[in-house]
Amino acid sequence: MVQSSAFLSAVVVIALVMWLLGELAFLAPYRAAILHGYAAAISAFVGLFTVNLFGVILAVNRRLFLRDTGKKLAHVEKQLRTGSSISDELTERLSE
């Protein structure tokens, strides 16, 4: 889940950067001056944006894909405790 969230956030950031490069083509003659004065601020913004986007995507993924995990685990534990379990080995480990 973490890998897919990281991949998706990287894809979104790269797509946004490519779109911005196309939209801000009129600033190309001033590229050296902009990078000299604002490279640290631009890279800090992109880094923080990427981390925040990763957090949002991870939270959405966890909310959507891990919705009923507690209920499912409770059901498996109930099966293990009653003896009519999925696996006898898991029942033995739980009883120890």
PDB file of N, CA and C in Angstrom:
ATOM      1  N   MET A   1       0.819  -1.181   0.000  1.00  0.00           N
ATOM      2  CA  MET A   1       0.000   0.000   0.000  1.00  0.00           C
ATOM      3  C   MET A   1       0.868   1.252   0.000  1.00  0.00           C
ATOM      4  N   VAL A   2       1.973   1.206   0.739  1.00  0.00           N
ATOM      5  CA  VAL A   2       2.852   2.370   0.803  1.00  0.00           C
ATOM      6  C   VAL A   2       3.528   2.596  -0.543  1.00  0.00           C
ATOM      7  N   GLN A   3       3.926   1.493  -1.189  1.00  0.00           N
ATOM      8  CA  GLN A   3       4.594   1.633  -2.481  1.00  0.00           C
ATOM      9  C   GLN A   3       3.660   2.218  -3.525  1.00  0.00           C
ATOM     10  N   SER A   4       2.412   1.793  -3.538  1.00  0.00           N
ATOM     11  CA  SER A   4       1.482   2.317  -4.523  1.00  0.00           C
ATOM     12  C   SER A   4       1.166   3.786  -4.246  1.00  0.00           C
ATOM     13  N   SER A   5       1.102   4.162  -2.983  1.00  0.00           N
ATOM     14  CA  SER A   5       0.870   5.569  -2.641  1.00  0.00           C
ATOM     15  C   SER A   5       2.065   6.429  -3.042  1.00  0.00           C
ATOM     16  N   ALA A   6       3.269   5.926  -2.811  1.00  0.00           N
ATOM     17  CA  ALA A   6       4.468   6.672  -3.202  1.00  0.00           C
ATOM     18  C   ALA A   6       4.545   6.799  -4.720  1.00  0.00           C
ATOM     19  N   PHE A   7       4.239   5.724  -5.421  1.00  0.00           N
ATOM     20  CA  PHE A   7       4.270   5.765  -6.884  1.00  0.00           C
ATOM     21  C   PHE A   7       3.242   6.756  -7.422  1.00  0.00           C
ATOM     22  N   LEU A   8       2.034   6.703  -6.884  1.00  0.00           N
ATOM     23  CA  LEU A   8       0.984   7.602  -7.357  1.00  0.00           C
ATOM     24  C   LEU A   8       1.315   9.058  -7.063  1.00  0.00           C
ATOM     25  N   SER A   9       1.858   9.334  -5.886  1.00  0.00           N
ATOM     26  CA  SER A   9       2.223  10.722  -5.577  1.00  0.00           C
ATOM     27  C   SER A   9       3.365  11.201  -6.460  1.00  0.00           C
ATOM     28  N   ALA A  10       4.323  10.334  -6.769  1.00  0.00           N
ATOM     29  CA  ALA A  10       5.411  10.719  -7.676  1.00  0.00           C
ATOM     30  C   ALA A  10       4.877  10.997  -9.074  1.00  0.00           C
ATOM     31  N   VAL A  11       3.953  10.177  -9.540  1.00  0.00           N
ATOM     32  CA  VAL A  11       3.366  10.388 -10.867  1.00  0.00           C
ATOM     33  C   VAL A  11       2.611  11.713 -10.921  1.00  0.00           C
ATOM     34  N   VAL A  12       1.858  12.017  -9.868  1.00  0.00           N
ATOM     35  CA  VAL A  12       1.095  13.264  -9.837  1.00  0.00           C
ATOM     36  C   VAL A  12       2.040  14.468  -9.819  1.00  0.00           C
ATOM     37  N   VAL A  13       3.092  14.404  -9.013  1.00  0.00           N
ATOM     38  CA  VAL A  13       4.033  15.525  -8.939  1.00  0.00           C
ATOM     39  C   VAL A  13       4.753  15.713 -10.271  1.00  0.00           C
ATOM     40  N   ILE A  14       5.176  14.626 -10.890  1.00  0.00           N
ATOM     41  CA  ILE A  14       5.849  14.738 -12.191  1.00  0.00           C
ATOM     42  C   ILE A  14       4.904  15.304 -13.238  1.00  0.00           C
ATOM     43  N   ALA A  15       3.657  14.873 -13.227  1.00  0.00           N
ATOM     44  CA  ALA A  15       2.678  15.406 -14.180  1.00  0.00           C
ATOM     45  C   ALA A  15       2.450  16.897 -13.950  1.00  0.00           C
ATOM     46  N   LEU A  16       2.351  17.318 -12.701  1.00  0.00           N
ATOM     47  CA  LEU A  16       2.168  18.742 -12.409  1.00  0.00           C
ATOM     48  C   LEU A  16       3.380  19.568 -12.821  1.00  0.00           C
ATOM     49  N   VAL A  17       4.573  19.043 -12.586  1.00  0.00           N
ATOM     50  CA  VAL A  17       5.786  19.765 -12.990  1.00  0.00           C
ATOM     51  C   VAL A  17       5.856  19.887 -14.510  1.00  0.00           C
ATOM     52  N   MET A  18       5.528  18.819 -15.203  1.00  0.00           N
ATOM     53  CA  MET A  18       5.544  18.876 -16.682  1.00  0.00           C
ATOM     54  C   MET A  18       4.501  19.868 -17.191  1.00  0.00           C
ATOM     55  N   TRP A  19       3.320  19.890 -16.596  1.00  0.00           N
ATOM     56  CA  TRP A  19       2.284  20.831 -17.001  1.00  0.00           C
ATOM     57  C   TRP A  19       2.737  22.271 -16.741  1.00  0.00           C
ATOM     58  N   LEU A  20       3.347  22.497 -15.559  1.00  0.00           N
ATOM     59  CA  LEU A  20       3.831  23.838 -15.235  1.00  0.00           C
ATOM     60  C   LEU A  20       4.943  24.281 -16.172  1.00  0.00           C
ATOM     61  N   LEU A  21       5.806  23.369 -16.555  1.00  0.00           N
ATOM     62  CA  LEU A  21       6.868  23.722 -17.508  1.00  0.00           C
ATOM     63  C   LEU A  21       6.283  24.171 -18.836  1.00  0.00           C
ATOM     64  N   GLY A  22       5.201  23.555 -19.245  1.00  0.00           N
ATOM     65  CA  GLY A  22       4.545  23.966 -20.485  1.00  0.00           C
ATOM     66  C   GLY A  22       3.842  25.308 -20.346  1.00  0.00           C
ATOM     67  N   GLU A  23       3.197  25.522 -19.205  1.00  0.00           N
ATOM     68  CA  GLU A  23       2.458  26.764 -18.987  1.00  0.00           C
ATOM     69  C   GLU A  23       3.371  27.968 -18.764  1.00  0.00           C
ATOM     70  N   LEU A  24       4.536  27.730 -18.168  1.00  0.00           N
ATOM     71  CA  LEU A  24       5.452  28.824 -17.850  1.00  0.00           C
ATOM     72  C   LEU A  24       6.608  28.926 -18.835  1.00  0.00           C
ATOM     73  N   ALA A  25       6.363  28.542 -20.060  1.00  0.00           N
ATOM     74  CA  ALA A  25       7.415  28.588 -21.081  1.00  0.00           C
ATOM     75  C   ALA A  25       7.884  30.019 -21.348  1.00  0.00           C
ATOM     76  N   PHE A  26       7.044  31.004 -21.092  1.00  0.00           N
ATOM     77  CA  PHE A  26       7.431  32.390 -21.332  1.00  0.00           C
ATOM     78  C   PHE A  26       8.516  32.861 -20.363  1.00  0.00           C
ATOM     79  N   LEU A  27       8.746  32.113 -19.276  1.00  0.00           N
ATOM     80  CA  LEU A  27       9.795  32.468 -18.326  1.00  0.00           C
ATOM     81  C   LEU A  27      11.147  31.832 -18.665  1.00  0.00           C
ATOM     82  N   ALA A  28      11.230  31.110 -19.759  1.00  0.00           N
ATOM     83  CA  ALA A  28      12.465  30.415 -20.139  1.00  0.00           C
ATOM     84  C   ALA A  28      13.669  31.354 -20.260  1.00  0.00           C
ATOM     85  N   PRO A  29      13.524  32.555 -20.788  1.00  0.00           N
ATOM     86  CA  PRO A  29      14.705  33.428 -20.864  1.00  0.00           C
ATOM     87  C   PRO A  29      15.251  33.823 -19.487  1.00  0.00           C
ATOM     88  N   TYR A  30      14.452  33.751 -18.459  1.00  0.00           N
ATOM     89  CA  TYR A  30      14.871  34.147 -17.120  1.00  0.00           C
ATOM     90  C   TYR A  30      15.178  32.952 -16.224  1.00  0.00           C
ATOM     91  N   ARG A  31      15.340  31.780 -16.827  1.00  0.00           N
ATOM     92  CA  ARG A  31      15.526  30.544 -16.071  1.00  0.00           C
ATOM     93  C   ARG A  31      16.718  30.618 -15.125  1.00  0.00           C
ATOM     94  N   ALA A  32      17.857  31.114 -15.593  1.00  0.00           N
ATOM     95  CA  ALA A  32      19.055  31.160 -14.753  1.00  0.00           C
ATOM     96  C   ALA A  32      18.845  32.072 -13.545  1.00  0.00           C
ATOM     97  N   ALA A  33      18.230  33.224 -13.758  1.00  0.00           N
ATOM     98  CA  ALA A  33      18.004  34.160 -12.649  1.00  0.00           C
ATOM     99  C   ALA A  33      17.012  33.586 -11.643  1.00  0.00           C
ATOM    100  N   ILE A  34      15.964  32.934 -12.132  1.00  0.00           N
ATOM    101  CA  ILE A  34      14.962  32.349 -11.239  1.00  0.00           C
ATOM    102  C   ILE A  34      15.574  31.223 -10.419  1.00  0.00           C
ATOM    103  N   LEU A  35      16.312  30.335 -11.068  1.00  0.00           N
ATOM    104  CA  LEU A  35      16.919  29.214 -10.348  1.00  0.00           C
ATOM    105  C   LEU A  35      17.988  29.681  -9.373  1.00  0.00           C
ATOM    106  N   HIS A  36      18.743  30.718  -9.745  1.00  0.00           N
ATOM    107  CA  HIS A  36      19.784  31.227  -8.852  1.00  0.00           C
ATOM    108  C   HIS A  36      19.174  31.808  -7.576  1.00  0.00           C
ATOM    109  N   GLY A  37      18.081  32.507  -7.702  1.00  0.00           N
ATOM    110  CA  GLY A  37      17.497  33.164  -6.546  1.00  0.00           C
ATOM    111  C   GLY A  37      16.515  32.326  -5.754  1.00  0.00           C
ATOM    112  N   TYR A  38      15.848  31.393  -6.424  1.00  0.00           N
ATOM    113  CA  TYR A  38      14.732  30.700  -5.763  1.00  0.00           C
ATOM    114  C   TYR A  38      14.814  29.175  -5.811  1.00  0.00           C
ATOM    115  N   ALA A  39      15.960  28.617  -6.133  1.00  0.00           N
ATOM    116  CA  ALA A  39      16.075  27.154  -6.247  1.00  0.00           C
ATOM    117  C   ALA A  39      15.761  26.453  -4.924  1.00  0.00           C
ATOM    118  N   ALA A  40      16.246  26.993  -3.833  1.00  0.00           N
ATOM    119  CA  ALA A  40      16.002  26.361  -2.528  1.00  0.00           C
ATOM    120  C   ALA A  40      14.519  26.409  -2.167  1.00  0.00           C
ATOM    121  N   ALA A  41      13.877  27.540  -2.407  1.00  0.00           N
ATOM    122  CA  ALA A  41      12.458  27.668  -2.078  1.00  0.00           C
ATOM    123  C   ALA A  41      11.602  26.768  -2.972  1.00  0.00           C
ATOM    124  N   ILE A  42      11.938  26.696  -4.244  1.00  0.00           N
ATOM    125  CA  ILE A  42      11.176  25.853  -5.172  1.00  0.00           C
ATOM    126  C   ILE A  42      11.323  24.383  -4.790  1.00  0.00           C
ATOM    127  N   SER A  43      12.552  23.953  -4.504  1.00  0.00           N
ATOM    128  CA  SER A  43      12.760  22.545  -4.154  1.00  0.00           C
ATOM    129  C   SER A  43      12.112  22.210  -2.808  1.00  0.00           C
ATOM    130  N   ALA A  44      12.138  23.144  -1.859  1.00  0.00           N
ATOM    131  CA  ALA A  44      11.476  22.904  -0.567  1.00  0.00           C
ATOM    132  C   ALA A  44       9.967  22.790  -0.761  1.00  0.00           C
ATOM    133  N   PHE A  45       9.390  23.651  -1.584  1.00  0.00           N
ATOM    134  CA  PHE A  45       7.953  23.579  -1.838  1.00  0.00           C
ATOM    135  C   PHE A  45       7.580  22.261  -2.508  1.00  0.00           C
ATOM    136  N   VAL A  46       8.332  21.867  -3.525  1.00  0.00           N
ATOM    137  CA  VAL A  46       8.032  20.615  -4.233  1.00  0.00           C
ATOM    138  C   VAL A  46       8.183  19.426  -3.292  1.00  0.00           C
ATOM    139  N   GLY A  47       9.206  19.448  -2.441  1.00  0.00           N
ATOM    140  CA  GLY A  47       9.398  18.356  -1.485  1.00  0.00           C
ATOM    141  C   GLY A  47       8.267  18.267  -0.473  1.00  0.00           C
ATOM    142  N   LEU A  48       7.885  19.398   0.103  1.00  0.00           N
ATOM    143  CA  LEU A  48       6.789  19.399   1.067  1.00  0.00           C
ATOM    144  C   LEU A  48       5.460  19.041   0.412  1.00  0.00           C
ATOM    145  N   PHE A  49       5.260  19.508  -0.796  1.00  0.00           N
ATOM    146  CA  PHE A  49       4.036  19.167  -1.526  1.00  0.00           C
ATOM    147  C   PHE A  49       3.973  17.663  -1.778  1.00  0.00           C
ATOM    148  N   THR A  50       5.108  17.072  -2.151  1.00  0.00           N
ATOM    149  CA  THR A  50       5.154  15.633  -2.416  1.00  0.00           C
ATOM    150  C   THR A  50       4.863  14.836  -1.142  1.00  0.00           C
ATOM    151  N   VAL A  51       5.455  15.247  -0.027  1.00  0.00           N
ATOM    152  CA  VAL A  51       5.221  14.538   1.237  1.00  0.00           C
ATOM    153  C   VAL A  51       3.758  14.655   1.653  1.00  0.00           C
ATOM    154  N   ASN A  52       3.181  15.847   1.537  1.00  0.00           N
ATOM    155  CA  ASN A  52       1.775  16.024   1.900  1.00  0.00           C
ATOM    156  C   ASN A  52       0.852  15.248   0.968  1.00  0.00           C
ATOM    157  N   LEU A  53       1.153  15.255  -0.310  1.00  0.00           N
ATOM    158  CA  LEU A  53       0.351  14.499  -1.262  1.00  0.00           C
ATOM    159  C   LEU A  53       0.439  13.004  -0.970  1.00  0.00           C
ATOM    160  N   PHE A  54       1.634  12.533  -0.633  1.00  0.00           N
ATOM    161  CA  PHE A  54       1.799  11.131  -0.255  1.00  0.00           C
ATOM    162  C   PHE A  54       0.947  10.796   0.966  1.00  0.00           C
ATOM    163  N   GLY A  55       0.928  11.664   1.961  1.00  0.00           N
ATOM    164  CA  GLY A  55       0.122  11.431   3.154  1.00  0.00           C
ATOM    165  C   GLY A  55      -1.359  11.371   2.841  1.00  0.00           C
ATOM    166  N   VAL A  56      -1.824  12.261   1.988  1.00  0.00           N
ATOM    167  CA  VAL A  56      -3.243  12.261   1.623  1.00  0.00           C
ATOM    168  C   VAL A  56      -3.601  10.997   0.856  1.00  0.00           C
ATOM    169  N   ILE A  57      -2.775  10.630  -0.105  1.00  0.00           N
ATOM    170  CA  ILE A  57      -3.056   9.426  -0.897  1.00  0.00           C
ATOM    171  C   ILE A  57      -3.009   8.178  -0.017  1.00  0.00           C
ATOM    172  N   LEU A  58      -2.048   8.118   0.900  1.00  0.00           N
ATOM    173  CA  LEU A  58      -1.965   6.971   1.801  1.00  0.00           C
ATOM    174  C   LEU A  58      -3.198   6.892   2.704  1.00  0.00           C
ATOM    175  N   ALA A  59      -3.642   8.027   3.221  1.00  0.00           N
ATOM    176  CA  ALA A  59      -4.832   8.035   4.078  1.00  0.00           C
ATOM    177  C   ALA A  59      -6.072   7.596   3.305  1.00  0.00           C
ATOM    178  N   VAL A  60      -6.204   8.043   2.073  1.00  0.00           N
ATOM    179  CA  VAL A  60      -7.351   7.643   1.253  1.00  0.00           C
ATOM    180  C   VAL A  60      -7.280   6.154   0.941  1.00  0.00           C
ATOM    181  N   ASN A  61      -6.090   5.662   0.591  1.00  0.00           N
ATOM    182  CA  ASN A  61      -5.936   4.225   0.322  1.00  0.00           C
ATOM    183  C   ASN A  61      -6.281   3.392   1.541  1.00  0.00           C
ATOM    184  N   ARG A  62      -5.803   3.806   2.705  1.00  0.00           N
ATOM    185  CA  ARG A  62      -6.107   3.043   3.925  1.00  0.00           C
ATOM    186  C   ARG A  62      -7.590   3.083   4.233  1.00  0.00           C
ATOM    187  N   ARG A  63      -8.212   4.222   4.018  1.00  0.00           N
ATOM    188  CA  ARG A  63      -9.643   4.359   4.299  1.00  0.00           C
ATOM    189  C   ARG A  63     -10.478   3.501   3.354  1.00  0.00           C
ATOM    190  N   LEU A  64     -10.088   3.463   2.081  1.00  0.00           N
ATOM    191  CA  LEU A  64     -10.866   2.718   1.095  1.00  0.00           C
ATOM    192  C   LEU A  64     -10.597   1.213   1.136  1.00  0.00           C
ATOM    193  N   PHE A  65      -9.333   0.828   1.285  1.00  0.00           N
ATOM    194  CA  PHE A  65      -8.982  -0.582   1.122  1.00  0.00           C
ATOM    195  C   PHE A  65      -8.865  -1.346   2.428  1.00  0.00           C
ATOM    196  N   LEU A  66      -8.822  -0.664   3.565  1.00  0.00           N
ATOM    197  CA  LEU A  66      -8.756  -1.354   4.851  1.00  0.00           C
ATOM    198  C   LEU A  66      -9.999  -1.057   5.678  1.00  0.00           C
ATOM    199  N   ARG A  67     -11.117  -0.996   5.031  1.00  0.00           N
ATOM    200  CA  ARG A  67     -12.356  -0.560   5.673  1.00  0.00           C
ATOM    201  C   ARG A  67     -12.798  -1.519   6.776  1.00  0.00           C
ATOM    202  N   ASP A  68     -12.963  -2.783   6.489  1.00  0.00           N
ATOM    203  CA  ASP A  68     -13.518  -3.737   7.449  1.00  0.00           C
ATOM    204  C   ASP A  68     -12.472  -4.719   7.955  1.00  0.00           C
ATOM    205  N   THR A  69     -11.247  -4.261   8.093  1.00  0.00           N
ATOM    206  CA  THR A  69     -10.175  -5.159   8.501  1.00  0.00           C
ATOM    207  C   THR A  69     -10.397  -5.686   9.911  1.00  0.00           C
ATOM    208  N   GLY A  70     -10.844  -4.844  10.820  1.00  0.00           N
ATOM    209  CA  GLY A  70     -11.079  -5.281  12.196  1.00  0.00           C
ATOM    210  C   GLY A  70     -12.127  -6.366  12.286  1.00  0.00           C
ATOM    211  N   LYS A  71     -13.205  -6.213  11.530  1.00  0.00           N
ATOM    212  CA  LYS A  71     -14.263  -7.226  11.533  1.00  0.00           C
ATOM    213  C   LYS A  71     -13.754  -8.542  10.943  1.00  0.00           C
ATOM    214  N   LYS A  72     -12.970  -8.443   9.881  1.00  0.00           N
ATOM    215  CA  LYS A  72     -12.449  -9.656   9.261  1.00  0.00           C
ATOM    216  C   LYS A  72     -11.495 -10.379  10.204  1.00  0.00           C
ATOM    217  N   LEU A  73     -10.629  -9.622  10.878  1.00  0.00           N
ATOM    218  CA  LEU A  73      -9.709 -10.250  11.820  1.00  0.00           C
ATOM    219  C   LEU A  73     -10.445 -10.845  13.006  1.00  0.00           C
ATOM    220  N   ALA A  74     -11.499 -10.199  13.479  1.00  0.00           N
ATOM    221  CA  ALA A  74     -12.292 -10.743  14.579  1.00  0.00           C
ATOM    222  C   ALA A  74     -12.952 -12.049  14.160  1.00  0.00           C
ATOM    223  N   HIS A  75     -13.411 -12.115  12.925  1.00  0.00           N
ATOM    224  CA  HIS A  75     -14.036 -13.340  12.417  1.00  0.00           C
ATOM    225  C   HIS A  75     -13.016 -14.472  12.360  1.00  0.00           C
ATOM    226  N   VAL A  76     -11.814 -14.195  11.897  1.00  0.00           N
ATOM    227  CA  VAL A  76     -10.770 -15.226  11.826  1.00  0.00           C
ATOM    228  C   VAL A  76     -10.394 -15.677  13.231  1.00  0.00           C
ATOM    229  N   GLU A  77     -10.269 -14.730  14.167  1.00  0.00           N
ATOM    230  CA  GLU A  77      -9.937 -15.100  15.540  1.00  0.00           C
ATOM    231  C   GLU A  77     -11.036 -15.957  16.164  1.00  0.00           C
ATOM    232  N   LYS A  78     -12.270 -15.642  15.883  1.00  0.00           N
ATOM    233  CA  LYS A  78     -13.389 -16.436  16.396  1.00  0.00           C
ATOM    234  C   LYS A  78     -13.322 -17.859  15.848  1.00  0.00           C
ATOM    235  N   GLN A  79     -13.009 -18.000  14.570  1.00  0.00           N
ATOM    236  CA  GLN A  79     -12.874 -19.337  13.989  1.00  0.00           C
ATOM    237  C   GLN A  79     -11.723 -20.091  14.629  1.00  0.00           C
ATOM    238  N   LEU A  80     -10.618 -19.388  14.908  1.00  0.00           N
ATOM    239  CA  LEU A  80      -9.470 -20.047  15.518  1.00  0.00           C
ATOM    240  C   LEU A  80      -9.788 -20.513  16.939  1.00  0.00           C
ATOM    241  N   ARG A  81     -10.530 -19.729  17.682  1.00  0.00           N
ATOM    242  CA  ARG A  81     -10.842 -20.073  19.080  1.00  0.00           C
ATOM    243  C   ARG A  81     -11.863 -21.208  19.179  1.00  0.00           C
ATOM    244  N   THR A  82     -12.781 -21.327  18.229  1.00  0.00           N
ATOM    245  CA  THR A  82     -13.800 -22.378  18.309  1.00  0.00           C
ATOM    246  C   THR A  82     -13.266 -23.732  17.880  1.00  0.00           C
ATOM    247  N   GLY A  83     -12.159 -23.768  17.214  1.00  0.00           N
ATOM    248  CA  GLY A  83     -11.597 -25.045  16.790  1.00  0.00           C
ATOM    249  C   GLY A  83     -11.941 -25.400  15.362  1.00  0.00           C
ATOM    250  N   SER A  84     -13.008 -24.863  14.825  1.00  0.00           N
ATOM    251  CA  SER A  84     -13.328 -25.108  13.414  1.00  0.00           C
ATOM    252  C   SER A  84     -12.632 -24.029  12.594  1.00  0.00           C
ATOM    253  N   SER A  85     -11.341 -24.119  12.602  1.00  0.00           N
ATOM    254  CA  SER A  85     -10.546 -23.012  12.087  1.00  0.00           C
ATOM    255  C   SER A  85     -10.113 -23.237  10.646  1.00  0.00           C
ATOM    256  N   ILE A  86      -9.479 -22.237  10.162  1.00  0.00           N
ATOM    257  CA  ILE A  86      -8.935 -22.283   8.806  1.00  0.00           C
ATOM    258  C   ILE A  86      -7.736 -23.211   8.769  1.00  0.00           C
ATOM    259  N   SER A  87      -6.948 -23.153   9.802  1.00  0.00           N
ATOM    260  CA  SER A  87      -5.735 -23.955   9.831  1.00  0.00           C
ATOM    261  C   SER A  87      -5.496 -24.470  11.253  1.00  0.00           C
ATOM    262  N   ASP A  88      -5.191 -25.742  11.378  1.00  0.00           N
ATOM    263  CA  ASP A  88      -4.930 -26.328  12.692  1.00  0.00           C
ATOM    264  C   ASP A  88      -3.654 -25.763  13.308  1.00  0.00           C
ATOM    265  N   GLU A  89      -2.688 -25.433  12.470  1.00  0.00           N
ATOM    266  CA  GLU A  89      -1.435 -24.866  12.982  1.00  0.00           C
ATOM    267  C   GLU A  89      -1.681 -23.530  13.655  1.00  0.00           C
ATOM    268  N   LEU A  90      -2.524 -22.705  13.077  1.00  0.00           N
ATOM    269  CA  LEU A  90      -2.830 -21.410  13.685  1.00  0.00           C
ATOM    270  C   LEU A  90      -3.572 -21.589  14.996  1.00  0.00           C
ATOM    271  N   THR A  91      -4.430 -22.594  15.088  1.00  0.00           N
ATOM    272  CA  THR A  91      -5.162 -22.870  16.328  1.00  0.00           C
ATOM    273  C   THR A  91      -4.181 -23.291  17.423  1.00  0.00           C
ATOM    274  N   GLU A  92      -3.223 -24.111  17.072  1.00  0.00           N
ATOM    275  CA  GLU A  92      -2.228 -24.560  18.051  1.00  0.00           C
ATOM    276  C   GLU A  92      -1.392 -23.379  18.558  1.00  0.00           C
ATOM    277  N   ARG A  93      -0.996 -22.495  17.661  1.00  0.00           N
ATOM    278  CA  ARG A  93      -0.203 -21.342  18.055  1.00  0.00           C
ATOM    279  C   ARG A  93      -0.986 -20.397  18.961  1.00  0.00           C
ATOM    280  N   LEU A  94      -2.271 -20.252  18.701  1.00  0.00           N
ATOM    281  CA  LEU A  94      -3.086 -19.358  19.508  1.00  0.00           C
ATOM    282  C   LEU A  94      -3.318 -19.927  20.899  1.00  0.00           C
ATOM    283  N   SER A  95      -3.421 -21.254  21.018  1.00  0.00           N
ATOM    284  CA  SER A  95      -3.687 -21.864  22.318  1.00  0.00           C
ATOM    285  C   SER A  95      -2.447 -21.885  23.202  1.00  0.00           C
ATOM    286  N   GLU A  96      -1.278 -21.675  22.654  1.00  0.00           N
ATOM    287  CA  GLU A  96      -0.028 -21.690  23.458  1.00  0.00           C
ATOM    288  C   GLU A  96       0.167 -20.470  24.282  1.00  0.00           C
TER     289      GLU A  96
END
